[in-house]
Amino acid sequence: MKKTLLYLVLCLLIVFECLRVYLIMPMPGSQNLNSIDLAYFLGSNKHIIRIVGFLLLINPIIYIFKNGFKKHIILFIIFSIIYTLIFYVFTFKMEADKMFYQPTVVSFANISNNTIPTNKLIIGVDVDGITKAYPIQLIGYHHQVRDTINNKQVMVTYCTVCRTGRVYSPIVNGKVETFRLVGMDHFNAMFEDASTKSWWRQSNGECIAGTLKGYKLTEIKSEQVALNAWVRSHPNTLVLQPDAKFKEQFKGMDNYDKGNSKSGLTKRDTASWKDKSWVIGIEKNSYVKAYDWNQIVKQSIIQDSMPNFPLLILLENDSASFHTYSRILNTETLHFSKNGDLIKDLNTGSLWNYDGVCIEGKLKGTVLETIPSYQEYLHSWEFFHPKTVRYLK
């Protein structure tokens, strides 16, 4: 009985060490399971589980050594070595925050001293007129970068497997919270807060496990465009610069912008409406819609209406920078045409630029309302927005 208990506990400890990481990392089949509660239980109770397991081993170990069972002593040593190796690999090599590190130096440069190529995609943030640009090549590796804009704390996040860039206020219950990358749920990055050890989903800032379950971080408006498009409308912007310590990691992200990653997890499917196809997702008044990136590139302008809400999607000539606006202006619905860089509303014949500003004509100086929209993989957008309607015109 004691010998059986010995092997049973050793096997359970080995399974535990593997399972707690398997469930929150992109391993075969793991991200298709609805196992967040089990994963959180294992992760948050790992020390207790280990202590209980080790205590259960004491009596059987004493028994086999006291009675000189050489065969079982040898087997115990083998199992112990296996457990130790698994513990080391899964704890110090395969946990998310041991694979992706936060920057040791967060430095910025104005555009004249910037080292980031201006055709690179960035997440742009404007807080009360103070603007900063965060290259996806950098934040895609770090997964989050903490910063302060105009004396306000911001948490700039990115999940390369979902292609989701989001910016949040890290204020939780009136306190500035610290987060670490803990793993992923259904391919989306998860963060763990330092105070309660709760787990938070990157795609929408929702706490999905722990004492704060159901709480949501406040999202800060952001925009994904090429750096040169951001600078055009925000010439005084500061640009996040690479931390030299992670030069090789950033190099591995060099082709991510264009979807040419080597990894199947982050490589774009150039066909339409596939799991790894790009879409633009928009949510307005609880109505959710997805627009195929290939169609946007082909047309460069899409005019559509969600319930009682006419909208405009514009793609710049770089085929990377996109903008989404409301077509409602002073209760009137505008209709647009586009030819090259020329954008005209058919209602008044006025001319508009990509930044939603009327630059010539009757409506000169008028600015269209910007609508939050996101470019991401179809599998991500539709999983986290299950009521999504596809634009198929």
Protein backbone atom coordinates (compact mmCIF):
# COMPACT_ATOMS: atom_id res chain seq x y z
CA MET A 1 0.00 0.00 0.00
CA LYS A 2 2.78 2.41 0.92
CA LYS A 3 4.67 1.58 -2.26
CA THR A 4 1.53 2.16 -4.33
CA LEU A 5 0.98 5.49 -2.62
CA LEU A 6 4.59 6.46 -3.38
CA TYR A 7 4.21 5.99 -7.15
CA LEU A 8 0.69 7.39 -7.23
CA VAL A 9 1.73 10.65 -5.54
CA LEU A 10 4.86 10.98 -7.70
CA CYS A 11 2.79 10.48 -10.86
CA LEU A 12 0.18 12.97 -9.70
CA LEU A 13 2.87 15.57 -8.97
CA ILE A 14 4.33 15.09 -12.45
CA VAL A 15 0.88 15.38 -14.05
CA PHE A 16 0.14 18.47 -11.97
CA GLU A 17 3.33 20.28 -13.04
CA CYS A 18 2.59 19.53 -16.70
CA LEU A 19 -1.14 20.29 -16.56
CA ARG A 20 -0.93 23.66 -14.81
CA VAL A 21 1.26 25.00 -17.65
CA TYR A 22 -0.36 23.02 -20.49
CA LEU A 23 -3.76 24.58 -19.81
CA ILE A 24 -2.52 28.18 -20.15
CA MET A 25 0.04 27.87 -22.93
CA PRO A 26 -0.46 27.30 -26.69
CA MET A 27 0.11 23.55 -26.71
CA PRO A 28 -1.81 21.08 -28.93
CA GLY A 29 -5.47 21.14 -27.93
CA SER A 30 -4.99 23.20 -24.78
CA GLN A 31 -6.49 26.45 -26.03
CA ASN A 32 -9.67 24.80 -27.28
CA LEU A 33 -10.64 23.70 -23.77
CA ASN A 34 -12.93 25.66 -21.48
CA SER A 35 -10.62 24.97 -18.58
CA ILE A 36 -9.85 28.39 -17.10
CA ASP A 37 -11.33 27.52 -13.69
CA LEU A 38 -9.25 24.35 -13.40
CA ALA A 39 -6.16 26.18 -14.65
CA TYR A 40 -6.67 28.95 -12.11
CA PHE A 41 -7.20 26.46 -9.28
CA LEU A 42 -3.98 24.62 -10.13
CA GLY A 43 -2.01 27.82 -10.60
CA SER A 44 -3.21 29.62 -7.50
CA ASN A 45 -2.83 26.57 -5.27
CA LYS A 46 0.43 25.23 -6.66
CA HIS A 47 2.40 25.67 -3.44
CA ILE A 48 -0.27 23.95 -1.35
CA ILE A 49 -0.56 21.07 -3.83
CA ARG A 50 3.20 20.54 -3.76
CA ILE A 51 3.43 20.67 0.03
CA VAL A 52 0.58 18.15 0.40
CA GLY A 53 2.20 15.89 -2.17
CA PHE A 54 5.60 16.05 -0.48
CA LEU A 55 4.05 15.33 2.93
CA LEU A 56 2.26 12.29 1.53
CA LEU A 57 5.60 11.00 0.24
CA ILE A 58 7.40 11.10 3.60
CA ASN A 59 5.99 7.89 5.06
CA PRO A 60 6.38 5.75 1.90
CA ILE A 61 9.95 7.03 1.39
CA ILE A 62 10.91 6.13 4.97
CA TYR A 63 9.29 2.74 4.50
CA ILE A 64 11.18 1.72 1.32
CA PHE A 65 14.54 2.98 2.60
CA LYS A 66 14.09 1.43 6.07
CA ASN A 67 13.25 -1.95 4.57
CA GLY A 68 15.95 -1.78 1.91
CA PHE A 69 13.71 -2.25 -1.13
CA LYS A 70 16.46 -1.57 -3.67
CA LYS A 71 14.19 -1.85 -6.69
CA HIS A 72 11.76 0.70 -5.30
CA ILE A 73 14.56 2.95 -4.11
CA ILE A 74 15.95 3.02 -7.66
CA LEU A 75 12.48 3.68 -9.09
CA PHE A 76 11.93 6.44 -6.55
CA ILE A 77 15.20 8.10 -7.57
CA ILE A 78 14.26 7.85 -11.27
CA PHE A 79 10.81 9.34 -10.65
CA SER A 80 12.34 12.08 -8.52
CA ILE A 81 14.78 13.00 -11.27
CA ILE A 82 11.95 13.07 -13.82
CA TYR A 83 9.84 15.27 -11.54
CA THR A 84 12.74 17.63 -10.87
CA LEU A 85 13.45 18.05 -14.58
CA ILE A 86 9.76 18.64 -15.36
CA PHE A 87 9.47 21.08 -12.48
CA TYR A 88 12.50 23.03 -13.71
CA VAL A 89 11.43 23.15 -17.36
CA PHE A 90 7.79 24.03 -16.72
CA THR A 91 8.54 26.54 -13.96
CA PHE A 92 11.66 28.31 -15.23
CA LYS A 93 11.47 27.83 -19.00
CA MET A 94 7.85 27.45 -20.11
CA GLU A 95 5.93 29.86 -17.91
CA ALA A 96 4.89 32.91 -19.94
CA ASP A 97 6.79 35.54 -17.96
CA LYS A 98 9.96 33.45 -18.26
CA MET A 99 9.66 33.53 -22.07
CA PHE A 100 8.59 37.15 -22.62
CA TYR A 101 10.18 39.84 -20.48
CA GLN A 102 9.25 43.41 -19.71
CA PRO A 103 11.58 46.13 -21.03
CA THR A 104 14.38 47.07 -18.66
CA VAL A 105 14.45 50.56 -20.15
CA VAL A 106 11.38 52.42 -21.43
CA SER A 107 12.71 55.24 -23.59
CA PHE A 108 11.12 57.53 -26.17
CA ALA A 109 12.34 59.77 -28.95
CA ASN A 110 10.74 62.52 -30.99
CA ILE A 111 10.38 61.84 -34.68
CA SER A 112 13.66 63.54 -35.59
CA ASN A 113 15.62 61.19 -33.31
CA ASN A 114 13.45 58.14 -33.79
CA THR A 115 15.08 54.84 -34.87
CA ILE A 116 11.87 52.97 -35.76
CA PRO A 117 11.16 52.77 -39.53
CA THR A 118 8.19 54.98 -40.29
CA ASN A 119 6.39 52.24 -42.24
CA LYS A 120 6.13 50.10 -39.08
CA LEU A 121 2.75 49.60 -37.44
CA ILE A 122 2.22 51.29 -34.11
CA ILE A 123 -0.44 51.59 -31.45
CA GLY A 124 -0.98 55.32 -31.07
CA VAL A 125 -2.37 56.88 -27.90
CA ASP A 126 -3.56 60.44 -27.34
CA VAL A 127 -4.23 61.50 -23.74
CA ASP A 128 -5.48 65.06 -23.59
CA GLY A 129 -3.31 66.14 -26.52
CA ILE A 130 -0.13 64.36 -25.40
CA THR A 131 0.62 61.58 -27.88
CA LYS A 132 2.85 58.54 -27.95
CA ALA A 133 3.41 55.72 -30.45
CA TYR A 134 4.22 52.13 -29.45
CA PRO A 135 5.63 49.98 -32.28
CA ILE A 136 3.90 46.61 -32.48
CA GLN A 137 7.26 44.96 -33.18
CA LEU A 138 8.27 45.93 -29.64
CA ILE A 139 5.10 45.58 -27.62
CA GLY A 140 4.26 42.35 -29.45
CA TYR A 141 7.26 40.74 -27.78
CA HIS A 142 6.82 42.39 -24.37
CA HIS A 143 3.02 41.85 -24.40
CA GLN A 144 2.66 44.88 -22.14
CA VAL A 145 4.50 48.13 -21.61
CA ARG A 146 3.70 50.37 -18.64
CA ASP A 147 3.95 54.08 -19.17
CA THR A 148 2.68 57.48 -18.04
CA ILE A 149 1.09 59.92 -20.47
CA ASN A 150 0.22 63.40 -19.24
CA ASN A 151 0.52 62.13 -15.65
CA LYS A 152 -1.91 59.27 -16.32
CA GLN A 153 -0.87 55.64 -15.94
CA VAL A 154 -1.36 53.53 -19.07
CA MET A 155 -0.90 49.84 -19.80
CA VAL A 156 -0.21 49.23 -23.50
CA THR A 157 -0.85 45.58 -24.38
CA TYR A 158 -0.58 43.35 -27.42
CA CYS A 159 -1.26 39.66 -28.10
CA THR A 160 0.48 38.45 -31.26
CA VAL A 161 -1.55 35.21 -31.44
CA CYS A 162 -4.81 37.19 -31.57
CA ARG A 163 -3.34 40.32 -33.19
CA THR A 164 -5.07 42.39 -30.53
CA GLY A 165 -3.68 45.74 -29.45
CA ARG A 166 -5.40 47.32 -26.45
CA VAL A 167 -4.55 50.13 -24.04
CA TYR A 168 -5.93 50.17 -20.51
CA SER A 169 -5.85 52.19 -17.35
CA PRO A 170 -4.16 49.95 -14.74
CA ILE A 171 -6.24 51.47 -11.95
CA VAL A 172 -8.13 48.75 -10.04
CA ASN A 173 -10.39 49.75 -7.16
CA GLY A 174 -8.68 53.13 -6.97
CA LYS A 175 -5.17 51.65 -6.84
CA VAL A 176 -2.45 51.47 -9.50
CA GLU A 177 -2.09 47.75 -10.13
CA THR A 178 0.90 45.76 -11.40
CA PHE A 179 0.41 42.90 -13.86
CA ARG A 180 2.53 40.04 -15.13
CA LEU A 181 1.99 37.83 -18.17
CA VAL A 182 0.73 34.51 -16.83
CA GLY A 183 -0.36 32.60 -19.95
CA MET A 184 -3.29 32.58 -22.34
CA ASP A 185 -6.94 31.63 -22.57
CA HIS A 186 -8.33 30.58 -25.97
CA PHE A 187 -5.14 31.95 -27.53
CA ASN A 188 -5.48 35.36 -25.87
CA ALA A 189 -2.83 36.64 -23.48
CA MET A 190 -3.71 36.68 -19.77
CA PHE A 191 -2.24 38.86 -17.07
CA GLU A 192 -2.13 38.27 -13.33
CA ASP A 193 -2.45 41.20 -10.96
CA ALA A 194 0.01 41.43 -8.05
CA SER A 195 -2.54 42.24 -5.35
CA THR A 196 -5.15 39.49 -5.67
CA LYS A 197 -3.48 37.12 -8.17
CA SER A 198 -6.62 37.31 -10.34
CA TRP A 199 -6.33 36.60 -14.08
CA TRP A 200 -7.25 39.19 -16.71
CA ARG A 201 -7.98 38.76 -20.43
CA GLN A 202 -5.99 41.01 -22.76
CA SER A 203 -8.58 41.34 -25.52
CA ASN A 204 -11.17 43.17 -23.41
CA GLY A 205 -9.56 43.82 -20.03
CA GLU A 206 -11.97 41.51 -18.23
CA CYS A 207 -11.01 39.62 -15.09
CA ILE A 208 -11.95 35.99 -15.80
CA ALA A 209 -10.66 34.17 -12.71
CA GLY A 210 -9.99 35.09 -9.10
CA THR A 211 -11.53 37.37 -6.51
CA LEU A 212 -12.02 40.21 -9.00
CA LYS A 213 -13.80 38.06 -11.60
CA GLY A 214 -16.16 40.18 -13.68
CA TYR A 215 -14.28 43.44 -13.11
CA LYS A 216 -13.13 45.20 -16.30
CA LEU A 217 -10.22 47.53 -16.84
CA THR A 218 -11.07 50.89 -18.38
CA GLU A 219 -9.95 50.95 -22.00
CA ILE A 220 -8.07 53.99 -23.26
CA LYS A 221 -8.71 54.97 -26.87
CA SER A 222 -5.96 53.91 -29.25
CA GLU A 223 -5.34 53.57 -32.96
CA GLN A 224 -3.35 51.12 -35.07
CA VAL A 225 -1.68 52.75 -38.08
CA ALA A 226 1.73 53.02 -39.71
CA LEU A 227 4.04 55.37 -37.84
CA ASN A 228 4.18 57.88 -40.71
CA ALA A 229 0.37 58.10 -40.76
CA TRP A 230 0.32 58.73 -37.00
CA VAL A 231 3.03 61.39 -37.26
CA ARG A 232 1.09 63.17 -40.01
CA SER A 233 -1.70 64.00 -37.59
CA HIS A 234 0.45 63.97 -34.41
CA PRO A 235 3.77 65.62 -35.40
CA ASN A 236 4.88 66.10 -31.78
CA THR A 237 4.42 62.46 -30.87
CA LEU A 238 7.03 60.50 -28.94
CA VAL A 239 7.94 57.04 -30.20
CA LEU A 240 8.89 54.08 -28.01
CA GLN A 241 12.46 52.97 -28.78
CA PRO A 242 13.83 49.41 -28.64
CA ASP A 243 15.41 48.13 -25.44
CA ALA A 244 18.85 46.97 -26.68
CA LYS A 245 18.70 43.97 -24.36
CA PHE A 246 16.01 42.40 -26.57
CA LYS A 247 17.52 43.09 -29.98
CA GLU A 248 17.30 39.47 -31.15
CA GLN A 249 13.72 39.06 -29.96
CA PHE A 250 12.66 42.18 -31.83
CA LYS A 251 14.44 40.92 -34.94
CA GLY A 252 12.27 37.81 -34.80
CA MET A 253 9.20 40.08 -34.94
CA ASP A 254 10.40 42.01 -37.99
CA ASN A 255 7.87 40.51 -40.42
CA TYR A 256 4.94 40.33 -38.03
CA ASP A 257 3.36 43.58 -39.27
CA LYS A 258 2.75 42.06 -42.68
CA GLY A 259 1.59 38.69 -41.33
CA ASN A 260 4.69 36.83 -42.55
CA SER A 261 5.66 35.22 -39.27
CA LYS A 262 7.25 31.78 -39.33
CA SER A 263 5.05 30.48 -36.52
CA GLY A 264 1.67 29.08 -37.44
CA LEU A 265 0.29 30.79 -34.34
CA THR A 266 1.06 34.27 -35.66
CA LYS A 267 1.18 33.83 -39.44
CA ARG A 268 -1.66 35.33 -41.45
CA ASP A 269 -3.93 33.24 -43.67
CA THR A 270 -4.28 35.40 -46.79
CA ALA A 271 -7.64 33.80 -47.68
CA SER A 272 -10.84 35.39 -46.42
CA TRP A 273 -12.87 34.27 -43.40
CA LYS A 274 -10.37 31.72 -42.13
CA ASP A 275 -9.25 31.43 -38.51
CA LYS A 276 -6.05 33.35 -39.20
CA SER A 277 -7.58 35.82 -41.68
CA TRP A 278 -7.40 39.49 -40.78
CA VAL A 279 -10.61 41.36 -40.07
CA ILE A 280 -11.56 44.75 -38.73
CA GLY A 281 -13.93 44.38 -35.83
CA ILE A 282 -16.34 47.05 -34.65
CA GLU A 283 -18.72 47.02 -31.69
CA LYS A 284 -21.33 49.74 -31.32
CA ASN A 285 -24.33 49.75 -29.00
CA SER A 286 -23.97 45.99 -28.37
CA TYR A 287 -24.01 45.28 -32.13
CA VAL A 288 -20.85 43.62 -33.42
CA LYS A 289 -19.59 43.34 -36.98
CA ALA A 290 -16.49 42.04 -38.75
CA TYR A 291 -15.11 43.27 -42.09
CA ASP A 292 -12.79 41.13 -44.20
CA TRP A 293 -9.38 42.73 -44.65
CA ASN A 294 -9.06 41.51 -48.25
CA GLN A 295 -12.26 43.30 -49.18
CA ILE A 296 -11.11 46.46 -47.43
CA VAL A 297 -7.82 46.39 -49.36
CA LYS A 298 -9.67 45.82 -52.63
CA GLN A 299 -12.19 48.61 -52.14
CA SER A 300 -10.17 50.95 -49.86
CA ILE A 301 -13.47 52.47 -48.73
CA ILE A 302 -16.47 50.77 -47.19
CA GLN A 303 -19.69 52.54 -46.29
CA ASP A 304 -22.00 50.50 -44.14
CA SER A 305 -24.60 50.89 -41.43
CA MET A 306 -24.92 49.14 -38.13
CA PRO A 307 -28.38 49.59 -36.53
CA ASN A 308 -29.08 53.35 -36.67
CA PHE A 309 -25.39 54.02 -37.13
CA PRO A 310 -23.90 54.72 -40.59
CA LEU A 311 -20.13 54.26 -40.64
CA LEU A 312 -17.15 54.71 -42.92
CA ILE A 313 -13.99 52.59 -43.14
CA LEU A 314 -11.04 54.15 -44.96
CA LEU A 315 -7.82 52.38 -45.89
CA GLU A 316 -4.81 54.51 -46.78
CA ASN A 317 -2.67 53.83 -49.83
CA ASP A 318 -0.10 52.04 -47.67
CA SER A 319 -2.67 49.20 -47.34
CA ALA A 320 -1.94 49.14 -43.62
CA SER A 321 -3.37 52.25 -41.95
CA PHE A 322 -7.13 52.18 -41.50
CA HIS A 323 -9.65 54.59 -39.97
CA THR A 324 -13.27 54.17 -38.96
CA TYR A 325 -15.66 57.10 -38.68
CA SER A 326 -19.31 57.87 -38.13
CA ARG A 327 -21.02 59.20 -41.27
CA ILE A 328 -23.49 61.19 -39.21
CA LEU A 329 -22.87 64.94 -39.16
CA ASN A 330 -25.43 67.28 -37.62
CA THR A 331 -28.18 64.65 -38.03
CA GLU A 332 -27.32 64.23 -41.72
CA THR A 333 -25.83 61.01 -43.11
CA LEU A 334 -22.88 61.70 -45.38
CA HIS A 335 -22.00 59.57 -48.40
CA PHE A 336 -18.42 59.42 -49.66
CA SER A 337 -16.39 58.52 -52.72
CA LYS A 338 -12.65 57.93 -52.88
CA ASN A 339 -10.18 58.19 -55.73
CA GLY A 340 -6.55 57.80 -54.68
CA ASP A 341 -6.03 60.22 -51.81
CA LEU A 342 -9.08 62.25 -52.78
CA ILE A 343 -12.02 61.68 -50.42
CA LYS A 344 -15.22 63.58 -51.20
CA ASP A 345 -18.60 63.65 -49.55
CA LEU A 346 -21.33 63.51 -52.16
CA ASN A 347 -23.69 65.60 -50.06
CA THR A 348 -21.74 68.87 -50.34
CA GLY A 349 -18.76 68.05 -52.57
CA SER A 350 -16.38 68.87 -49.72
CA LEU A 351 -12.94 67.23 -49.60
CA TRP A 352 -11.68 65.24 -46.58
CA ASN A 353 -8.38 63.73 -45.50
CA TYR A 354 -7.74 60.32 -43.93
CA ASP A 355 -7.77 61.85 -40.47
CA GLY A 356 -11.48 62.60 -40.83
CA VAL A 357 -10.96 66.35 -41.24
CA CYS A 358 -12.71 68.33 -43.96
CA ILE A 359 -9.98 70.35 -45.68
CA GLU A 360 -11.91 72.07 -48.47
CA GLY A 361 -15.49 72.98 -49.23
CA LYS A 362 -18.66 73.86 -47.38
CA LEU A 363 -17.79 71.68 -44.38
CA LYS A 364 -14.15 72.82 -44.07
CA GLY A 365 -12.82 72.39 -40.55
CA THR A 366 -15.45 69.81 -39.61
CA VAL A 367 -14.13 66.60 -38.00
CA LEU A 368 -15.81 63.20 -38.24
CA GLU A 369 -16.34 61.19 -35.06
CA THR A 370 -13.79 58.38 -34.75
CA ILE A 371 -15.24 54.93 -34.04
CA PRO A 372 -13.11 52.39 -32.11
CA SER A 373 -12.13 49.53 -34.41
CA TYR A 374 -9.53 46.79 -34.30
CA GLN A 375 -7.60 44.70 -36.77
CA GLU A 376 -7.23 41.15 -35.51
CA TYR A 377 -7.48 37.51 -36.45
CA LEU A 378 -10.96 36.24 -37.22
CA HIS A 379 -10.74 33.42 -34.67
CA SER A 380 -10.04 35.90 -31.92
CA TRP A 381 -12.66 38.48 -32.83
CA GLU A 382 -15.46 35.95 -33.26
CA PHE A 383 -14.61 33.93 -30.15
CA PHE A 384 -14.63 36.96 -27.88
CA HIS A 385 -17.57 38.50 -29.78
CA PRO A 386 -19.79 35.46 -30.43
CA LYS A 387 -22.68 37.55 -31.80
CA THR A 388 -20.53 38.97 -34.59
CA VAL A 389 -22.21 39.60 -37.94
CA ARG A 390 -19.96 39.27 -41.00
CA TYR A 391 -20.04 41.99 -43.65
CA LEU A 392 -20.50 40.03 -46.89
CA LYS A 393 -21.45 42.63 -49.49
